[in-house]
Amino acid sequence: MTFTPSHMNDSTYNGWANYETWNAALWLGNDEGLYSIAKEFTFYSDLIPTLKEVCGIRTPDGVRWEDSTINSDEMDEMLAELS
């Protein structure tokens, strides 16, 4: 019998849907300027144009703000918790 720790079956990235979602959320939650902007929004899709205007099309780590793999439901939940 082989034991597989439960975290080995976890397909998330640090509790987020994937690396791209985690990376975008990390920047919004930990950069004071981006945090101030993000807490004014309810939906991540509405925030993207402002992020692109302020930061360009990518996070400082190179993930596109509108990457198709970013889980918008998780991002919307995070935004709800900011305000």
PDB file of N, CA and C in Angstrom:
ATOM      1  N   MET A   1       0.851  -1.184   0.000  1.00  0.00           N
ATOM      2  CA  MET A   1       0.000   0.000   0.000  1.00  0.00           C
ATOM      3  C   MET A   1       0.888   1.236   0.000  1.00  0.00           C
ATOM      4  N   THR A   2       0.564   2.194  -0.861  1.00  0.00           N
ATOM      5  CA  THR A   2       1.332   3.424  -0.964  1.00  0.00           C
ATOM      6  C   THR A   2       0.559   4.557  -0.322  1.00  0.00           C
ATOM      7  N   PHE A   3       1.242   5.310   0.514  1.00  0.00           N
ATOM      8  CA  PHE A   3       0.623   6.474   1.154  1.00  0.00           C
ATOM      9  C   PHE A   3       0.955   7.706   0.343  1.00  0.00           C
ATOM     10  N   THR A   4      -0.086   8.452  -0.026  1.00  0.00           N
ATOM     11  CA  THR A   4       0.107   9.711  -0.738  1.00  0.00           C
ATOM     12  C   THR A   4      -0.462  10.819   0.124  1.00  0.00           C
ATOM     13  N   PRO A   5       0.387  11.747   0.586  1.00  0.00           N
ATOM     14  CA  PRO A   5      -0.124  12.853   1.396  1.00  0.00           C
ATOM     15  C   PRO A   5      -1.215  13.609   0.646  1.00  0.00           C
ATOM     16  N   SER A   6      -2.196  14.096   1.390  1.00  0.00           N
ATOM     17  CA  SER A   6      -3.331  14.763   0.740  1.00  0.00           C
ATOM     18  C   SER A   6      -2.895  15.959  -0.090  1.00  0.00           C
ATOM     19  N   HIS A   7      -1.840  16.668   0.335  1.00  0.00           N
ATOM     20  CA  HIS A   7      -1.424  17.832  -0.451  1.00  0.00           C
ATOM     21  C   HIS A   7      -0.825  17.430  -1.791  1.00  0.00           C
ATOM     22  N   MET A   8      -0.428  16.180  -1.935  1.00  0.00           N
ATOM     23  CA  MET A   8       0.111  15.722  -3.211  1.00  0.00           C
ATOM     24  C   MET A   8      -0.999  15.588  -4.251  1.00  0.00           C
ATOM     25  N   ASN A   9      -2.246  15.420  -3.800  1.00  0.00           N
ATOM     26  CA  ASN A   9      -3.378  15.324  -4.713  1.00  0.00           C
ATOM     27  C   ASN A   9      -3.993  16.685  -4.984  1.00  0.00           C
ATOM     28  N   ASP A  10      -3.543  17.692  -4.297  1.00  0.00           N
ATOM     29  CA  ASP A  10      -4.078  19.033  -4.428  1.00  0.00           C
ATOM     30  C   ASP A  10      -3.567  19.646  -5.725  1.00  0.00           C
ATOM     31  N   SER A  11      -4.477  20.004  -6.599  1.00  0.00           N
ATOM     32  CA  SER A  11      -4.067  20.557  -7.890  1.00  0.00           C
ATOM     33  C   SER A  11      -4.067  22.079  -7.869  1.00  0.00           C
ATOM     34  N   THR A  12      -4.135  22.667  -6.682  1.00  0.00           N
ATOM     35  CA  THR A  12      -4.125  24.122  -6.573  1.00  0.00           C
ATOM     36  C   THR A  12      -2.700  24.634  -6.414  1.00  0.00           C
ATOM     37  N   TYR A  13      -2.572  25.940  -6.427  1.00  0.00           N
ATOM     38  CA  TYR A  13      -1.276  26.570  -6.234  1.00  0.00           C
ATOM     39  C   TYR A  13      -1.393  27.495  -5.034  1.00  0.00           C
ATOM     40  N   ASN A  14      -0.785  27.108  -3.930  1.00  0.00           N
ATOM     41  CA  ASN A  14      -0.875  27.860  -2.678  1.00  0.00           C
ATOM     42  C   ASN A  14      -2.313  28.200  -2.309  1.00  0.00           C
ATOM     43  N   GLY A  15      -3.217  27.262  -2.567  1.00  0.00           N
ATOM     44  CA  GLY A  15      -4.617  27.451  -2.228  1.00  0.00           C
ATOM     45  C   GLY A  15      -5.447  28.129  -3.307  1.00  0.00           C
ATOM     46  N   TRP A  16      -4.822  28.566  -4.361  1.00  0.00           N
ATOM     47  CA  TRP A  16      -5.522  29.210  -5.475  1.00  0.00           C
ATOM     48  C   TRP A  16      -5.670  28.211  -6.622  1.00  0.00           C
ATOM     49  N   ALA A  17      -6.519  28.530  -7.579  1.00  0.00           N
ATOM     50  CA  ALA A  17      -6.814  27.618  -8.686  1.00  0.00           C
ATOM     51  C   ALA A  17      -5.565  27.230  -9.462  1.00  0.00           C
ATOM     52  N   ASN A  18      -4.628  28.161  -9.612  1.00  0.00           N
ATOM     53  CA  ASN A  18      -3.420  27.913 -10.394  1.00  0.00           C
ATOM     54  C   ASN A  18      -2.419  29.042 -10.129  1.00  0.00           C
ATOM     55  N   TYR A  19      -1.250  28.927 -10.713  1.00  0.00           N
ATOM     56  CA  TYR A  19      -0.192  29.928 -10.515  1.00  0.00           C
ATOM     57  C   TYR A  19      -0.647  31.316 -10.965  1.00  0.00           C
ATOM     58  N   GLU A  20      -1.308  31.405 -12.097  1.00  0.00           N
ATOM     59  CA  GLU A  20      -1.693  32.710 -12.632  1.00  0.00           C
ATOM     60  C   GLU A  20      -2.672  33.437 -11.708  1.00  0.00           C
ATOM     61  N   THR A  21      -3.637  32.699 -11.177  1.00  0.00           N
ATOM     62  CA  THR A  21      -4.594  33.293 -10.240  1.00  0.00           C
ATOM     63  C   THR A  21      -3.877  33.720  -8.970  1.00  0.00           C
ATOM     64  N   TRP A  22      -3.040  32.856  -8.458  1.00  0.00           N
ATOM     65  CA  TRP A  22      -2.269  33.177  -7.252  1.00  0.00           C
ATOM     66  C   TRP A  22      -1.411  34.418  -7.463  1.00  0.00           C
ATOM     67  N   ASN A  23      -0.724  34.494  -8.601  1.00  0.00           N
ATOM     68  CA  ASN A  23       0.181  35.603  -8.863  1.00  0.00           C
ATOM     69  C   ASN A  23      -0.569  36.930  -8.937  1.00  0.00           C
ATOM     70  N   ALA A  24      -1.676  36.969  -9.673  1.00  0.00           N
ATOM     71  CA  ALA A  24      -2.459  38.202  -9.775  1.00  0.00           C
ATOM     72  C   ALA A  24      -3.002  38.606  -8.409  1.00  0.00           C
ATOM     73  N   ALA A  25      -3.520  37.644  -7.658  1.00  0.00           N
ATOM     74  CA  ALA A  25      -4.058  37.933  -6.333  1.00  0.00           C
ATOM     75  C   ALA A  25      -2.964  38.414  -5.383  1.00  0.00           C
ATOM     76  N   LEU A  26      -1.796  37.830  -5.495  1.00  0.00           N
ATOM     77  CA  LEU A  26      -0.681  38.219  -4.646  1.00  0.00           C
ATOM     78  C   LEU A  26      -0.328  39.687  -4.855  1.00  0.00           C
ATOM     79  N   TRP A  27      -0.244  40.105  -6.117  1.00  0.00           N
ATOM     80  CA  TRP A  27       0.080  41.502  -6.394  1.00  0.00           C
ATOM     81  C   TRP A  27      -1.013  42.442  -5.908  1.00  0.00           C
ATOM     82  N   LEU A  28      -2.254  42.069  -6.090  1.00  0.00           N
ATOM     83  CA  LEU A  28      -3.350  42.937  -5.663  1.00  0.00           C
ATOM     84  C   LEU A  28      -3.448  43.026  -4.144  1.00  0.00           C
ATOM     85  N   GLY A  29      -3.095  41.974  -3.473  1.00  0.00           N
ATOM     86  CA  GLY A  29      -3.198  41.961  -2.019  1.00  0.00           C
ATOM     87  C   GLY A  29      -1.982  42.475  -1.292  1.00  0.00           C
ATOM     88  N   ASN A  30      -0.848  42.576  -1.982  1.00  0.00           N
ATOM     89  CA  ASN A  30       0.389  42.917  -1.281  1.00  0.00           C
ATOM     90  C   ASN A  30       1.091  44.179  -1.769  1.00  0.00           C
ATOM     91  N   ASP A  31       0.614  44.772  -2.825  1.00  0.00           N
ATOM     92  CA  ASP A  31       1.172  46.037  -3.295  1.00  0.00           C
ATOM     93  C   ASP A  31       0.205  47.137  -2.863  1.00  0.00           C
ATOM     94  N   GLU A  32       0.689  48.089  -2.066  1.00  0.00           N
ATOM     95  CA  GLU A  32      -0.197  49.091  -1.480  1.00  0.00           C
ATOM     96  C   GLU A  32      -0.999  49.860  -2.526  1.00  0.00           C
ATOM     97  N   GLY A  33      -0.357  50.263  -3.606  1.00  0.00           N
ATOM     98  CA  GLY A  33      -1.049  51.010  -4.652  1.00  0.00           C
ATOM     99  C   GLY A  33      -2.105  50.171  -5.349  1.00  0.00           C
ATOM    100  N   LEU A  34      -1.747  48.937  -5.705  1.00  0.00           N
ATOM    101  CA  LEU A  34      -2.707  48.052  -6.371  1.00  0.00           C
ATOM    102  C   LEU A  34      -3.842  47.662  -5.434  1.00  0.00           C
ATOM    103  N   TYR A  35      -3.524  47.480  -4.166  1.00  0.00           N
ATOM    104  CA  TYR A  35      -4.547  47.155  -3.173  1.00  0.00           C
ATOM    105  C   TYR A  35      -5.577  48.278  -3.087  1.00  0.00           C
ATOM    106  N   SER A  36      -5.085  49.520  -3.046  1.00  0.00           N
ATOM    107  CA  SER A  36      -5.981  50.678  -2.963  1.00  0.00           C
ATOM    108  C   SER A  36      -6.911  50.749  -4.169  1.00  0.00           C
ATOM    109  N   ILE A  37      -6.377  50.435  -5.323  1.00  0.00           N
ATOM    110  CA  ILE A  37      -7.194  50.420  -6.538  1.00  0.00           C
ATOM    111  C   ILE A  37      -8.173  49.254  -6.505  1.00  0.00           C
ATOM    112  N   ALA A  38      -7.681  48.064  -6.193  1.00  0.00           N
ATOM    113  CA  ALA A  38      -8.491  46.845  -6.263  1.00  0.00           C
ATOM    114  C   ALA A  38      -9.692  46.886  -5.330  1.00  0.00           C
ATOM    115  N   LYS A  39      -9.551  47.484  -4.162  1.00  0.00           N
ATOM    116  CA  LYS A  39     -10.659  47.458  -3.210  1.00  0.00           C
ATOM    117  C   LYS A  39     -11.848  48.309  -3.653  1.00  0.00           C
ATOM    118  N   GLU A  40     -11.667  49.062  -4.726  1.00  0.00           N
ATOM    119  CA  GLU A  40     -12.765  49.857  -5.278  1.00  0.00           C
ATOM    120  C   GLU A  40     -13.615  49.064  -6.275  1.00  0.00           C
ATOM    121  N   PHE A  41     -13.219  47.832  -6.564  1.00  0.00           N
ATOM    122  CA  PHE A  41     -13.906  47.024  -7.574  1.00  0.00           C
ATOM    123  C   PHE A  41     -14.564  45.805  -6.954  1.00  0.00           C
ATOM    124  N   THR A  42     -15.644  45.354  -7.591  1.00  0.00           N
ATOM    125  CA  THR A  42     -16.360  44.153  -7.172  1.00  0.00           C
ATOM    126  C   THR A  42     -15.996  42.967  -8.046  1.00  0.00           C
ATOM    127  N   PHE A  43     -15.774  43.238  -9.324  1.00  0.00           N
ATOM    128  CA  PHE A  43     -15.502  42.171 -10.277  1.00  0.00           C
ATOM    129  C   PHE A  43     -14.121  42.351 -10.903  1.00  0.00           C
ATOM    130  N   TYR A  44     -13.382  41.260 -10.946  1.00  0.00           N
ATOM    131  CA  TYR A  44     -12.036  41.295 -11.509  1.00  0.00           C
ATOM    132  C   TYR A  44     -12.053  41.754 -12.963  1.00  0.00           C
ATOM    133  N   SER A  45     -13.045  41.332 -13.717  1.00  0.00           N
ATOM    134  CA  SER A  45     -13.116  41.723 -15.132  1.00  0.00           C
ATOM    135  C   SER A  45     -13.237  43.239 -15.285  1.00  0.00           C
ATOM    136  N   ASP A  46     -13.865  43.911 -14.337  1.00  0.00           N
ATOM    137  CA  ASP A  46     -13.975  45.370 -14.372  1.00  0.00           C
ATOM    138  C   ASP A  46     -12.665  46.046 -13.963  1.00  0.00           C
ATOM    139  N   LEU A  47     -11.868  45.364 -13.167  1.00  0.00           N
ATOM    140  CA  LEU A  47     -10.595  45.895 -12.681  1.00  0.00           C
ATOM    141  C   LEU A  47      -9.499  45.836 -13.743  1.00  0.00           C
ATOM    142  N   ILE A  48      -9.564  44.872 -14.637  1.00  0.00           N
ATOM    143  CA  ILE A  48      -8.489  44.639 -15.611  1.00  0.00           C
ATOM    144  C   ILE A  48      -8.105  45.891 -16.410  1.00  0.00           C
ATOM    145  N   PRO A  49      -9.055  46.647 -16.978  1.00  0.00           N
ATOM    146  CA  PRO A  49      -8.645  47.835 -17.747  1.00  0.00           C
ATOM    147  C   PRO A  49      -7.824  48.833 -16.917  1.00  0.00           C
ATOM    148  N   THR A  50      -8.185  48.999 -15.666  1.00  0.00           N
ATOM    149  CA  THR A  50      -7.434  49.911 -14.800  1.00  0.00           C
ATOM    150  C   THR A  50      -6.043  49.363 -14.521  1.00  0.00           C
ATOM    151  N   LEU A  51      -5.946  48.061 -14.279  1.00  0.00           N
ATOM    152  CA  LEU A  51      -4.637  47.452 -14.050  1.00  0.00           C
ATOM    153  C   LEU A  51      -3.738  47.627 -15.271  1.00  0.00           C
ATOM    154  N   LYS A  52      -4.309  47.429 -16.455  1.00  0.00           N
ATOM    155  CA  LYS A  52      -3.523  47.580 -17.678  1.00  0.00           C
ATOM    156  C   LYS A  52      -3.066  49.023 -17.867  1.00  0.00           C
ATOM    157  N   GLU A  53      -3.906  49.970 -17.473  1.00  0.00           N
ATOM    158  CA  GLU A  53      -3.553  51.384 -17.586  1.00  0.00           C
ATOM    159  C   GLU A  53      -2.445  51.757 -16.600  1.00  0.00           C
ATOM    160  N   VAL A  54      -2.532  51.234 -15.394  1.00  0.00           N
ATOM    161  CA  VAL A  54      -1.580  51.579 -14.334  1.00  0.00           C
ATOM    162  C   VAL A  54      -0.275  50.792 -14.453  1.00  0.00           C
ATOM    163  N   CYS A  55      -0.376  49.504 -14.776  1.00  0.00           N
ATOM    164  CA  CYS A  55       0.788  48.613 -14.713  1.00  0.00           C
ATOM    165  C   CYS A  55       1.237  48.051 -16.051  1.00  0.00           C
ATOM    166  N   GLY A  56       0.449  48.221 -17.075  1.00  0.00           N
ATOM    167  CA  GLY A  56       0.721  47.515 -18.316  1.00  0.00           C
ATOM    168  C   GLY A  56      -0.074  46.230 -18.343  1.00  0.00           C
ATOM    169  N   ILE A  57       0.198  45.397 -19.319  1.00  0.00           N
ATOM    170  CA  ILE A  57      -0.632  44.208 -19.503  1.00  0.00           C
ATOM    171  C   ILE A  57      -0.261  43.034 -18.597  1.00  0.00           C
ATOM    172  N   ARG A  58       0.840  43.156 -17.854  1.00  0.00           N
ATOM    173  CA  ARG A  58       1.318  42.031 -17.042  1.00  0.00           C
ATOM    174  C   ARG A  58       1.616  42.444 -15.601  1.00  0.00           C
ATOM    175  N   THR A  59       1.544  41.450 -14.719  1.00  0.00           N
ATOM    176  CA  THR A  59       2.013  41.660 -13.351  1.00  0.00           C
ATOM    177  C   THR A  59       3.531  41.854 -13.419  1.00  0.00           C
ATOM    178  N   PRO A  60       4.132  42.375 -12.377  1.00  0.00           N
ATOM    179  CA  PRO A  60       5.600  42.492 -12.388  1.00  0.00           C
ATOM    180  C   PRO A  60       6.321  41.160 -12.583  1.00  0.00           C
ATOM    181  N   ASP A  61       5.625  40.038 -12.362  1.00  0.00           N
ATOM    182  CA  ASP A  61       6.213  38.717 -12.587  1.00  0.00           C
ATOM    183  C   ASP A  61       5.933  38.174 -13.983  1.00  0.00           C
ATOM    184  N   GLY A  62       5.234  38.939 -14.799  1.00  0.00           N
ATOM    185  CA  GLY A  62       5.027  38.544 -16.181  1.00  0.00           C
ATOM    186  C   GLY A  62       3.735  37.821 -16.510  1.00  0.00           C
ATOM    187  N   VAL A  63       2.816  37.712 -15.567  1.00  0.00           N
ATOM    188  CA  VAL A  63       1.526  37.078 -15.839  1.00  0.00           C
ATOM    189  C   VAL A  63       0.576  38.149 -16.386  1.00  0.00           C
ATOM    190  N   ARG A  64      -0.074  37.843 -17.486  1.00  0.00           N
ATOM    191  CA  ARG A  64      -1.030  38.793 -18.063  1.00  0.00           C
ATOM    192  C   ARG A  64      -2.222  38.953 -17.134  1.00  0.00           C
ATOM    193  N   TRP A  65      -2.627  40.197 -16.872  1.00  0.00           N
ATOM    194  CA  TRP A  65      -3.777  40.452 -16.005  1.00  0.00           C
ATOM    195  C   TRP A  65      -5.032  39.769 -16.534  1.00  0.00           C
ATOM    196  N   GLU A  66      -5.132  39.642 -17.856  1.00  0.00           N
ATOM    197  CA  GLU A  66      -6.312  38.992 -18.422  1.00  0.00           C
ATOM    198  C   GLU A  66      -6.003  37.597 -18.969  1.00  0.00           C
ATOM    199  N   ASP A  67      -5.060  36.923 -18.345  1.00  0.00           N
ATOM    200  CA  ASP A  67      -4.743  35.545 -18.721  1.00  0.00           C
ATOM    201  C   ASP A  67      -6.009  34.695 -18.606  1.00  0.00           C
ATOM    202  N   SER A  68      -6.269  33.891 -19.609  1.00  0.00           N
ATOM    203  CA  SER A  68      -7.499  33.097 -19.627  1.00  0.00           C
ATOM    204  C   SER A  68      -7.559  32.031 -18.533  1.00  0.00           C
ATOM    205  N   THR A  69      -6.424  31.712 -17.930  1.00  0.00           N
ATOM    206  CA  THR A  69      -6.435  30.697 -16.873  1.00  0.00           C
ATOM    207  C   THR A  69      -6.694  31.290 -15.488  1.00  0.00           C
ATOM    208  N   ILE A  70      -6.708  32.613 -15.361  1.00  0.00           N
ATOM    209  CA  ILE A  70      -7.023  33.225 -14.065  1.00  0.00           C
ATOM    210  C   ILE A  70      -8.480  32.926 -13.732  1.00  0.00           C
ATOM    211  N   ASN A  71      -8.695  32.407 -12.544  1.00  0.00           N
ATOM    212  CA  ASN A  71     -10.035  32.041 -12.097  1.00  0.00           C
ATOM    213  C   ASN A  71     -10.749  33.303 -11.606  1.00  0.00           C
ATOM    214  N   SER A  72     -11.648  33.815 -12.433  1.00  0.00           N
ATOM    215  CA  SER A  72     -12.313  35.081 -12.112  1.00  0.00           C
ATOM    216  C   SER A  72     -13.223  34.965 -10.893  1.00  0.00           C
ATOM    217  N   ASP A  73     -13.797  33.796 -10.653  1.00  0.00           N
ATOM    218  CA  ASP A  73     -14.629  33.625  -9.456  1.00  0.00           C
ATOM    219  C   ASP A  73     -13.796  33.786  -8.191  1.00  0.00           C
ATOM    220  N   GLU A  74     -12.614  33.191  -8.174  1.00  0.00           N
ATOM    221  CA  GLU A  74     -11.730  33.335  -7.012  1.00  0.00           C
ATOM    222  C   GLU A  74     -11.279  34.791  -6.859  1.00  0.00           C
ATOM    223  N   MET A  75     -10.984  35.437  -7.976  1.00  0.00           N
ATOM    224  CA  MET A  75     -10.556  36.835  -7.916  1.00  0.00           C
ATOM    225  C   MET A  75     -11.692  37.726  -7.416  1.00  0.00           C
ATOM    226  N   ASP A  76     -12.931  37.454  -7.848  1.00  0.00           N
ATOM    227  CA  ASP A  76     -14.081  38.225  -7.366  1.00  0.00           C
ATOM    228  C   ASP A  76     -14.260  38.039  -5.864  1.00  0.00           C
ATOM    229  N   GLU A  77     -14.068  36.810  -5.376  1.00  0.00           N
ATOM    230  CA  GLU A  77     -14.159  36.555  -3.934  1.00  0.00           C
ATOM    231  C   GLU A  77     -13.094  37.323  -3.182  1.00  0.00           C
ATOM    232  N   MET A  78     -11.869  37.348  -3.723  1.00  0.00           N
ATOM    233  CA  MET A  78     -10.795  38.085  -3.079  1.00  0.00           C
ATOM    234  C   MET A  78     -11.121  39.571  -3.022  1.00  0.00           C
ATOM    235  N   LEU A  79     -11.655  40.126  -4.111  1.00  0.00           N
ATOM    236  CA  LEU A  79     -12.012  41.542  -4.134  1.00  0.00           C
ATOM    237  C   LEU A  79     -13.095  41.846  -3.096  1.00  0.00           C
ATOM    238  N   ALA A  80     -14.047  40.958  -2.927  1.00  0.00           N
ATOM    239  CA  ALA A  80     -15.097  41.151  -1.931  1.00  0.00           C
ATOM    240  C   ALA A  80     -14.518  41.218  -0.528  1.00  0.00           C
ATOM    241  N   GLU A  81     -13.466  40.468  -0.285  1.00  0.00           N
ATOM    242  CA  GLU A  81     -12.835  40.457   1.039  1.00  0.00           C
ATOM    243  C   GLU A  81     -11.975  41.702   1.281  1.00  0.00           C
ATOM    244  N   LEU A  82     -11.567  42.392   0.227  1.00  0.00           N
ATOM    245  CA  LEU A  82     -10.726  43.581   0.397  1.00  0.00           C
ATOM    246  C   LEU A  82     -11.512  44.764   0.923  1.00  0.00           C
ATOM    247  N   SER A  83     -12.787  44.858   0.544  1.00  0.00           N
ATOM    248  CA  SER A  83     -13.542  46.058   0.929  1.00  0.00           C
ATOM    249  C   SER A  83     -14.247  45.926   2.241  1.00  0.00           C
TER     250      SER A  83
END
